[in-house]
Amino acid sequence: MELDGLINLYKPVGLTSARALDRVRRLTGQRKSGHAGTLDPAAEGVLLILLGRSTKCTERLMELPKIYLTTLRLDVTSDGFDSEGELRPVTVDRPPSREEVEAALRAFVGTIEQVPPARSAVKVGGQPAYKRARRGEALELRPRPARIDRITLRAYSWPLLEIEIVCGRGTYVRAIARDLGIALGTGGCLSRLVRTAIGPYTAADAWTLERLSEAADVRSAVVAVDRLG
């Protein structure tokens, strides 16, 4: 069957965005498809799957603001600044206060210059940086502009803090963890990352792969092209 529209998918942890797209392709039978905005395998949450004619809306949908909810550890770090790699303890003489954490977070709000993590999909010499980093190549990535609309500290109890980030495309939450640790003189590593919304598409309304596979008619999950946000 030919489908034109968008599926708001809840990508689970452990699956790449490309594999999630492949699963949806098998369920819908729609080969002309793509997604708007990659999520790392260790991250979960909203992934917009575009089918048929809606693939022409990719760039417009990628410009929508994104919301992330993340839990960070300030007592460790890793090569990728997330929990996928080996965690290395960081010695901290004095844990920062909540006020110090909030002050450090405020410095990230606005349009900032952000150096992508070496283990990211940004292209270096025509290849994704993570592939070159895995080969042991030393990379010097250039800063890129990122727009942070809001950062809210949701909870803090050393060494864990939970923050909500509202941002534009191309923002690396792992880089925020890294740079926050530098600002505080601590470690900085994601232990959980959830994309809770892209524009009007929220995690609460998203379809899981299991629910999609059990649907009597997969078309019930598709938002028509003329209704895309």
C-alpha atoms as a PDB file:
ATOM      1  CA  MET A   1       0.000   0.000   0.000  1.00  0.00           C
ATOM      2  CA  GLU A   2       1.198   3.525  -0.743  1.00  0.00           C
ATOM      3  CA  LEU A   3       1.258   5.797   2.273  1.00  0.00           C
ATOM      4  CA  ASP A   4       1.877   9.541   2.390  1.00  0.00           C
ATOM      5  CA  GLY A   5       2.364  11.145   5.774  1.00  0.00           C
ATOM      6  CA  LEU A   6       4.170  11.011   9.082  1.00  0.00           C
ATOM      7  CA  ILE A   7       4.368   8.474  11.886  1.00  0.00           C
ATOM      8  CA  ASN A   8       5.348   9.785  15.311  1.00  0.00           C
ATOM      9  CA  LEU A   9       7.433   6.832  16.475  1.00  0.00           C
ATOM     10  CA  TYR A  10       8.814   6.213  19.971  1.00  0.00           C
ATOM     11  CA  LYS A  11      12.295   4.853  19.278  1.00  0.00           C
ATOM     12  CA  PRO A  12      13.493   2.490  22.019  1.00  0.00           C
ATOM     13  CA  VAL A  13      16.969   2.376  23.555  1.00  0.00           C
ATOM     14  CA  GLY A  14      19.390   0.085  21.732  1.00  0.00           C
ATOM     15  CA  LEU A  15      18.052   0.669  18.222  1.00  0.00           C
ATOM     16  CA  THR A  16      19.622   3.017  15.683  1.00  0.00           C
ATOM     17  CA  SER A  17      17.337   5.462  13.908  1.00  0.00           C
ATOM     18  CA  ALA A  18      18.095   3.678  10.627  1.00  0.00           C
ATOM     19  CA  ARG A  19      17.045   0.313  12.075  1.00  0.00           C
ATOM     20  CA  ALA A  20      13.868   1.851  13.485  1.00  0.00           C
ATOM     21  CA  LEU A  21      13.090   3.206  10.009  1.00  0.00           C
ATOM     22  CA  ASP A  22      13.690  -0.250   8.511  1.00  0.00           C
ATOM     23  CA  ARG A  23      11.229  -1.777  10.971  1.00  0.00           C
ATOM     24  CA  VAL A  24       8.570   0.759   9.988  1.00  0.00           C
ATOM     25  CA  ARG A  25       9.240   0.114   6.294  1.00  0.00           C
ATOM     26  CA  ARG A  26       8.557  -3.582   6.810  1.00  0.00           C
ATOM     27  CA  LEU A  27       5.344  -2.849   8.699  1.00  0.00           C
ATOM     28  CA  THR A  28       4.010  -0.309   6.188  1.00  0.00           C
ATOM     29  CA  GLY A  29       5.431  -1.670   2.943  1.00  0.00           C
ATOM     30  CA  GLN A  30       6.347   1.927   2.026  1.00  0.00           C
ATOM     31  CA  ARG A  31       9.877   2.014   0.593  1.00  0.00           C
ATOM     32  CA  LYS A  32      10.011   5.750  -0.090  1.00  0.00           C
ATOM     33  CA  SER A  33      10.601   6.921   3.455  1.00  0.00           C
ATOM     34  CA  GLY A  34      13.035   8.610   5.803  1.00  0.00           C
ATOM     35  CA  HIS A  35      13.268  10.235   9.212  1.00  0.00           C
ATOM     36  CA  ALA A  36      13.632  13.822  10.415  1.00  0.00           C
ATOM     37  CA  GLY A  37      16.389  14.014  13.017  1.00  0.00           C
ATOM     38  CA  THR A  38      18.597  11.142  14.198  1.00  0.00           C
ATOM     39  CA  LEU A  39      18.554   9.740  17.738  1.00  0.00           C
ATOM     40  CA  ASP A  40      21.616   7.908  19.089  1.00  0.00           C
ATOM     41  CA  PRO A  41      21.124   4.201  19.883  1.00  0.00           C
ATOM     42  CA  ALA A  42      21.417   4.971  23.620  1.00  0.00           C
ATOM     43  CA  ALA A  43      18.658   7.592  23.381  1.00  0.00           C
ATOM     44  CA  GLU A  44      14.905   7.036  23.226  1.00  0.00           C
ATOM     45  CA  GLY A  45      11.848   9.036  22.328  1.00  0.00           C
ATOM     46  CA  VAL A  46      10.245  10.860  19.414  1.00  0.00           C
ATOM     47  CA  LEU A  47      11.523   9.958  15.944  1.00  0.00           C
ATOM     48  CA  LEU A  48       9.531  11.333  13.034  1.00  0.00           C
ATOM     49  CA  ILE A  49       9.172   8.764  10.252  1.00  0.00           C
ATOM     50  CA  LEU A  50       8.255  10.273   6.882  1.00  0.00           C
ATOM     51  CA  LEU A  51       6.455   8.230   4.238  1.00  0.00           C
ATOM     52  CA  GLY A  52       5.911   8.917   0.548  1.00  0.00           C
ATOM     53  CA  ARG A  53       5.349  12.552  -0.364  1.00  0.00           C
ATOM     54  CA  SER A  54       5.997  13.704   3.212  1.00  0.00           C
ATOM     55  CA  THR A  55       9.744  13.097   2.682  1.00  0.00           C
ATOM     56  CA  LYS A  56       9.722  16.456   0.882  1.00  0.00           C
ATOM     57  CA  CYS A  57       8.947  18.041   4.279  1.00  0.00           C
ATOM     58  CA  THR A  58      12.103  16.713   5.968  1.00  0.00           C
ATOM     59  CA  GLU A  59      13.965  20.026   6.203  1.00  0.00           C
ATOM     60  CA  ARG A  60      10.915  21.913   7.460  1.00  0.00           C
ATOM     61  CA  LEU A  61      10.250  19.326  10.155  1.00  0.00           C
ATOM     62  CA  MET A  62      13.891  19.290  11.239  1.00  0.00           C
ATOM     63  CA  GLU A  63      13.633  23.018  11.952  1.00  0.00           C
ATOM     64  CA  LEU A  64      10.948  22.414  14.594  1.00  0.00           C
ATOM     65  CA  PRO A  65      12.102  22.938  18.209  1.00  0.00           C
ATOM     66  CA  LYS A  66      13.031  19.802  20.140  1.00  0.00           C
ATOM     67  CA  ILE A  67      12.640  18.972  23.816  1.00  0.00           C
ATOM     68  CA  TYR A  68      14.953  16.580  25.640  1.00  0.00           C
ATOM     69  CA  LEU A  69      14.818  15.233  29.169  1.00  0.00           C
ATOM     70  CA  THR A  70      18.170  13.919  30.315  1.00  0.00           C
ATOM     71  CA  THR A  71      19.818  12.545  33.432  1.00  0.00           C
ATOM     72  CA  LEU A  72      23.500  13.367  33.854  1.00  0.00           C
ATOM     73  CA  ARG A  73      26.195  12.004  36.140  1.00  0.00           C
ATOM     74  CA  LEU A  74      28.789  14.486  37.323  1.00  0.00           C
ATOM     75  CA  ASP A  75      31.144  11.970  38.966  1.00  0.00           C
ATOM     76  CA  VAL A  76      32.183  10.129  35.780  1.00  0.00           C
ATOM     77  CA  THR A  77      33.038  10.696  32.139  1.00  0.00           C
ATOM     78  CA  SER A  78      33.478   8.537  29.023  1.00  0.00           C
ATOM     79  CA  ASP A  79      34.809   8.874  25.490  1.00  0.00           C
ATOM     80  CA  GLY A  80      31.329   9.497  24.097  1.00  0.00           C
ATOM     81  CA  PHE A  81      30.020  11.376  27.167  1.00  0.00           C
ATOM     82  CA  ASP A  82      27.268   8.797  27.565  1.00  0.00           C
ATOM     83  CA  SER A  83      26.841   5.430  29.259  1.00  0.00           C
ATOM     84  CA  GLU A  84      27.669   3.379  26.151  1.00  0.00           C
ATOM     85  CA  GLY A  85      31.428   3.539  26.683  1.00  0.00           C
ATOM     86  CA  GLU A  86      33.642   2.728  29.645  1.00  0.00           C
ATOM     87  CA  LEU A  87      32.842   5.038  32.543  1.00  0.00           C
ATOM     88  CA  ARG A  88      35.867   6.706  34.154  1.00  0.00           C
ATOM     89  CA  PRO A  89      35.562   8.160  37.688  1.00  0.00           C
ATOM     90  CA  VAL A  90      36.321  11.877  38.056  1.00  0.00           C
ATOM     91  CA  THR A  91      37.698  13.158  41.353  1.00  0.00           C
ATOM     92  CA  VAL A  92      35.676  16.127  42.595  1.00  0.00           C
ATOM     93  CA  ASP A  93      36.931  17.989  45.658  1.00  0.00           C
ATOM     94  CA  ARG A  94      33.591  19.637  46.396  1.00  0.00           C
ATOM     95  CA  PRO A  95      30.272  18.827  44.736  1.00  0.00           C
ATOM     96  CA  PRO A  96      28.709  22.000  43.324  1.00  0.00           C
ATOM     97  CA  SER A  97      25.623  23.446  44.968  1.00  0.00           C
ATOM     98  CA  ARG A  98      22.266  23.621  43.222  1.00  0.00           C
ATOM     99  CA  GLU A  99      22.769  27.360  42.781  1.00  0.00           C
ATOM    100  CA  GLU A 100      26.136  26.779  41.102  1.00  0.00           C
ATOM    101  CA  VAL A 101      24.610  24.196  38.761  1.00  0.00           C
ATOM    102  CA  GLU A 102      21.769  26.533  37.804  1.00  0.00           C
ATOM    103  CA  ALA A 103      24.215  29.392  37.156  1.00  0.00           C
ATOM    104  CA  ALA A 104      26.343  27.157  34.924  1.00  0.00           C
ATOM    105  CA  LEU A 105      23.273  26.000  32.982  1.00  0.00           C
ATOM    106  CA  ARG A 106      22.168  29.586  32.309  1.00  0.00           C
ATOM    107  CA  ALA A 107      25.390  30.159  30.357  1.00  0.00           C
ATOM    108  CA  PHE A 108      24.213  27.693  27.726  1.00  0.00           C
ATOM    109  CA  VAL A 109      20.967  29.505  26.884  1.00  0.00           C
ATOM    110  CA  GLY A 110      20.960  31.391  23.584  1.00  0.00           C
ATOM    111  CA  THR A 111      22.941  30.818  20.405  1.00  0.00           C
ATOM    112  CA  ILE A 112      26.198  29.220  21.464  1.00  0.00           C
ATOM    113  CA  GLU A 113      29.268  27.764  19.776  1.00  0.00           C
ATOM    114  CA  GLN A 114      29.335  24.024  20.435  1.00  0.00           C
ATOM    115  CA  VAL A 115      32.054  21.514  19.523  1.00  0.00           C
ATOM    116  CA  PRO A 116      30.364  18.217  18.519  1.00  0.00           C
ATOM    117  CA  PRO A 117      31.508  15.082  20.370  1.00  0.00           C
ATOM    118  CA  ALA A 118      34.126  13.063  18.484  1.00  0.00           C
ATOM    119  CA  ARG A 119      31.707  10.126  18.532  1.00  0.00           C
ATOM    120  CA  SER A 120      28.998  11.933  16.553  1.00  0.00           C
ATOM    121  CA  ALA A 121      27.599  11.727  13.038  1.00  0.00           C
ATOM    122  CA  VAL A 122      29.014  15.091  11.949  1.00  0.00           C
ATOM    123  CA  LYS A 123      31.041  14.665   8.739  1.00  0.00           C
ATOM    124  CA  VAL A 124      34.825  15.108   8.815  1.00  0.00           C
ATOM    125  CA  GLY A 125      36.546  14.718   5.449  1.00  0.00           C
ATOM    126  CA  GLY A 126      33.388  13.149   4.044  1.00  0.00           C
ATOM    127  CA  GLN A 127      33.118  10.522   6.798  1.00  0.00           C
ATOM    128  CA  PRO A 128      31.100  10.503  10.043  1.00  0.00           C
ATOM    129  CA  ALA A 129      33.328  11.544  12.951  1.00  0.00           C
ATOM    130  CA  TYR A 130      32.413   8.462  14.988  1.00  0.00           C
ATOM    131  CA  LYS A 131      33.831   6.128  12.333  1.00  0.00           C
ATOM    132  CA  ARG A 132      37.160   7.955  12.343  1.00  0.00           C
ATOM    133  CA  ALA A 133      37.192   8.108  16.143  1.00  0.00           C
ATOM    134  CA  ARG A 134      36.660   4.342  16.338  1.00  0.00           C
ATOM    135  CA  ARG A 135      39.755   3.883  14.197  1.00  0.00           C
ATOM    136  CA  GLY A 136      41.716   5.793  16.812  1.00  0.00           C
ATOM    137  CA  GLU A 137      42.123   8.972  14.751  1.00  0.00           C
ATOM    138  CA  ALA A 138      42.637  12.184  16.719  1.00  0.00           C
ATOM    139  CA  LEU A 139      39.965  14.626  15.597  1.00  0.00           C
ATOM    140  CA  GLU A 140      39.751  18.367  16.066  1.00  0.00           C
ATOM    141  CA  LEU A 141      36.150  19.260  15.338  1.00  0.00           C
ATOM    142  CA  ARG A 142      35.231  22.859  14.687  1.00  0.00           C
ATOM    143  CA  PRO A 143      32.655  24.644  16.830  1.00  0.00           C
ATOM    144  CA  ARG A 144      29.195  24.898  15.307  1.00  0.00           C
ATOM    145  CA  PRO A 145      26.353  27.238  16.267  1.00  0.00           C
ATOM    146  CA  ALA A 146      23.596  25.695  18.372  1.00  0.00           C
ATOM    147  CA  ARG A 147      20.415  27.342  19.621  1.00  0.00           C
ATOM    148  CA  ILE A 148      19.336  26.608  23.179  1.00  0.00           C
ATOM    149  CA  ASP A 149      15.952  28.160  23.968  1.00  0.00           C
ATOM    150  CA  ARG A 150      15.655  26.983  27.554  1.00  0.00           C
ATOM    151  CA  ILE A 151      17.353  24.727  30.108  1.00  0.00           C
ATOM    152  CA  THR A 152      15.475  23.797  33.271  1.00  0.00           C
ATOM    153  CA  LEU A 153      17.005  21.966  36.220  1.00  0.00           C
ATOM    154  CA  ARG A 154      14.367  19.399  37.206  1.00  0.00           C
ATOM    155  CA  ALA A 155      16.212  17.602  40.001  1.00  0.00           C
ATOM    156  CA  TYR A 156      19.668  17.521  41.576  1.00  0.00           C
ATOM    157  CA  SER A 157      21.134  15.157  44.132  1.00  0.00           C
ATOM    158  CA  TRP A 158      24.868  14.656  43.771  1.00  0.00           C
ATOM    159  CA  PRO A 159      26.106  13.140  41.500  1.00  0.00           C
ATOM    160  CA  LEU A 160      22.877  13.021  39.454  1.00  0.00           C
ATOM    161  CA  LEU A 161      20.967  15.867  37.898  1.00  0.00           C
ATOM    162  CA  GLU A 162      17.976  15.892  35.583  1.00  0.00           C
ATOM    163  CA  ILE A 163      17.529  18.709  33.109  1.00  0.00           C
ATOM    164  CA  GLU A 164      15.043  19.582  30.388  1.00  0.00           C
ATOM    165  CA  ILE A 165      16.414  21.220  27.252  1.00  0.00           C
ATOM    166  CA  VAL A 166      14.451  23.056  24.566  1.00  0.00           C
ATOM    167  CA  CYS A 167      16.667  23.572  21.536  1.00  0.00           C
ATOM    168  CA  GLY A 168      17.038  23.856  17.779  1.00  0.00           C
ATOM    169  CA  ARG A 169      18.423  21.375  15.256  1.00  0.00           C
ATOM    170  CA  GLY A 170      22.028  20.259  15.428  1.00  0.00           C
ATOM    171  CA  THR A 171      22.318  20.542  19.204  1.00  0.00           C
ATOM    172  CA  TYR A 172      24.359  17.806  20.907  1.00  0.00           C
ATOM    173  CA  VAL A 173      23.100  17.074  24.412  1.00  0.00           C
ATOM    174  CA  ARG A 174      26.245  15.006  25.068  1.00  0.00           C
ATOM    175  CA  ALA A 175      28.292  18.142  24.345  1.00  0.00           C
ATOM    176  CA  ILE A 176      26.228  20.026  26.919  1.00  0.00           C
ATOM    177  CA  ALA A 177      27.054  17.302  29.462  1.00  0.00           C
ATOM    178  CA  ARG A 178      30.752  17.584  28.603  1.00  0.00           C
ATOM    179  CA  ASP A 179      30.823  21.392  28.737  1.00  0.00           C
ATOM    180  CA  LEU A 180      28.758  21.567  31.922  1.00  0.00           C
ATOM    181  CA  GLY A 181      31.286  19.273  33.598  1.00  0.00           C
ATOM    182  CA  ILE A 182      34.119  21.540  32.460  1.00  0.00           C
ATOM    183  CA  ALA A 183      32.302  24.619  33.801  1.00  0.00           C
ATOM    184  CA  LEU A 184      31.668  22.965  37.177  1.00  0.00           C
ATOM    185  CA  GLY A 185      35.029  21.225  37.489  1.00  0.00           C
ATOM    186  CA  THR A 186      33.318  17.828  37.554  1.00  0.00           C
ATOM    187  CA  GLY A 187      32.643  14.928  35.226  1.00  0.00           C
ATOM    188  CA  GLY A 188      29.799  15.056  32.740  1.00  0.00           C
ATOM    189  CA  CYS A 189      28.131  12.021  31.233  1.00  0.00           C
ATOM    190  CA  LEU A 190      24.587  11.157  30.118  1.00  0.00           C
ATOM    191  CA  SER A 191      22.974   8.204  31.824  1.00  0.00           C
ATOM    192  CA  ARG A 192      19.596   8.670  30.091  1.00  0.00           C
ATOM    193  CA  LEU A 193      18.338  10.771  27.195  1.00  0.00           C
ATOM    194  CA  VAL A 194      14.719  11.043  26.078  1.00  0.00           C
ATOM    195  CA  ARG A 195      13.468  13.233  23.249  1.00  0.00           C
ATOM    196  CA  THR A 196      10.040  14.132  24.550  1.00  0.00           C
ATOM    197  CA  ALA A 197       8.866  16.323  21.671  1.00  0.00           C
ATOM    198  CA  ILE A 198       9.585  17.661  18.208  1.00  0.00           C
ATOM    199  CA  GLY A 199       7.304  20.635  17.650  1.00  0.00           C
ATOM    200  CA  PRO A 200       3.715  19.429  18.228  1.00  0.00           C
ATOM    201  CA  TYR A 201       4.698  15.732  18.147  1.00  0.00           C
ATOM    202  CA  THR A 202       5.120  14.417  21.685  1.00  0.00           C
ATOM    203  CA  ALA A 203       6.296  11.196  23.314  1.00  0.00           C
ATOM    204  CA  ALA A 204       2.893  10.858  24.973  1.00  0.00           C
ATOM    205  CA  ASP A 205       1.255  10.563  21.531  1.00  0.00           C
ATOM    206  CA  ALA A 206       3.974   8.466  19.883  1.00  0.00           C
ATOM    207  CA  TRP A 207       3.513   4.938  18.561  1.00  0.00           C
ATOM    208  CA  THR A 208       5.819   2.181  19.764  1.00  0.00           C
ATOM    209  CA  LEU A 209       7.003  -0.436  17.284  1.00  0.00           C
ATOM    210  CA  GLU A 210       5.022  -3.055  19.215  1.00  0.00           C
ATOM    211  CA  ARG A 211       1.802  -1.062  19.052  1.00  0.00           C
ATOM    212  CA  LEU A 212       2.388  -0.341  15.383  1.00  0.00           C
ATOM    213  CA  SER A 213       2.892  -4.039  14.609  1.00  0.00           C
ATOM    214  CA  GLU A 214      -0.351  -4.917  16.409  1.00  0.00           C
ATOM    215  CA  ALA A 215      -2.466  -2.208  14.743  1.00  0.00           C
ATOM    216  CA  ALA A 216      -5.410  -3.500  12.723  1.00  0.00           C
ATOM    217  CA  ASP A 217      -4.648  -0.852  10.101  1.00  0.00           C
ATOM    218  CA  VAL A 218      -1.245   0.869  10.167  1.00  0.00           C
ATOM    219  CA  ARG A 219      -2.809   3.846   8.401  1.00  0.00           C
ATOM    220  CA  SER A 220      -4.361   4.830  11.744  1.00  0.00           C
ATOM    221  CA  ALA A 221      -0.856   5.892  12.865  1.00  0.00           C
ATOM    222  CA  VAL A 222      -0.196   8.117   9.845  1.00  0.00           C
ATOM    223  CA  VAL A 223      -0.604  11.909  10.009  1.00  0.00           C
ATOM    224  CA  ALA A 224      -1.645  13.101   6.557  1.00  0.00           C
ATOM    225  CA  VAL A 225       0.715  15.328   4.566  1.00  0.00           C
ATOM    226  CA  ASP A 226      -1.645  18.321   4.663  1.00  0.00           C
ATOM    227  CA  ARG A 227      -1.747  18.148   8.505  1.00  0.00           C
ATOM    228  CA  LEU A 228       1.998  18.132   9.180  1.00  0.00           C
ATOM    229  CA  GLY A 229       3.143  20.637  11.807  1.00  0.00           C
END
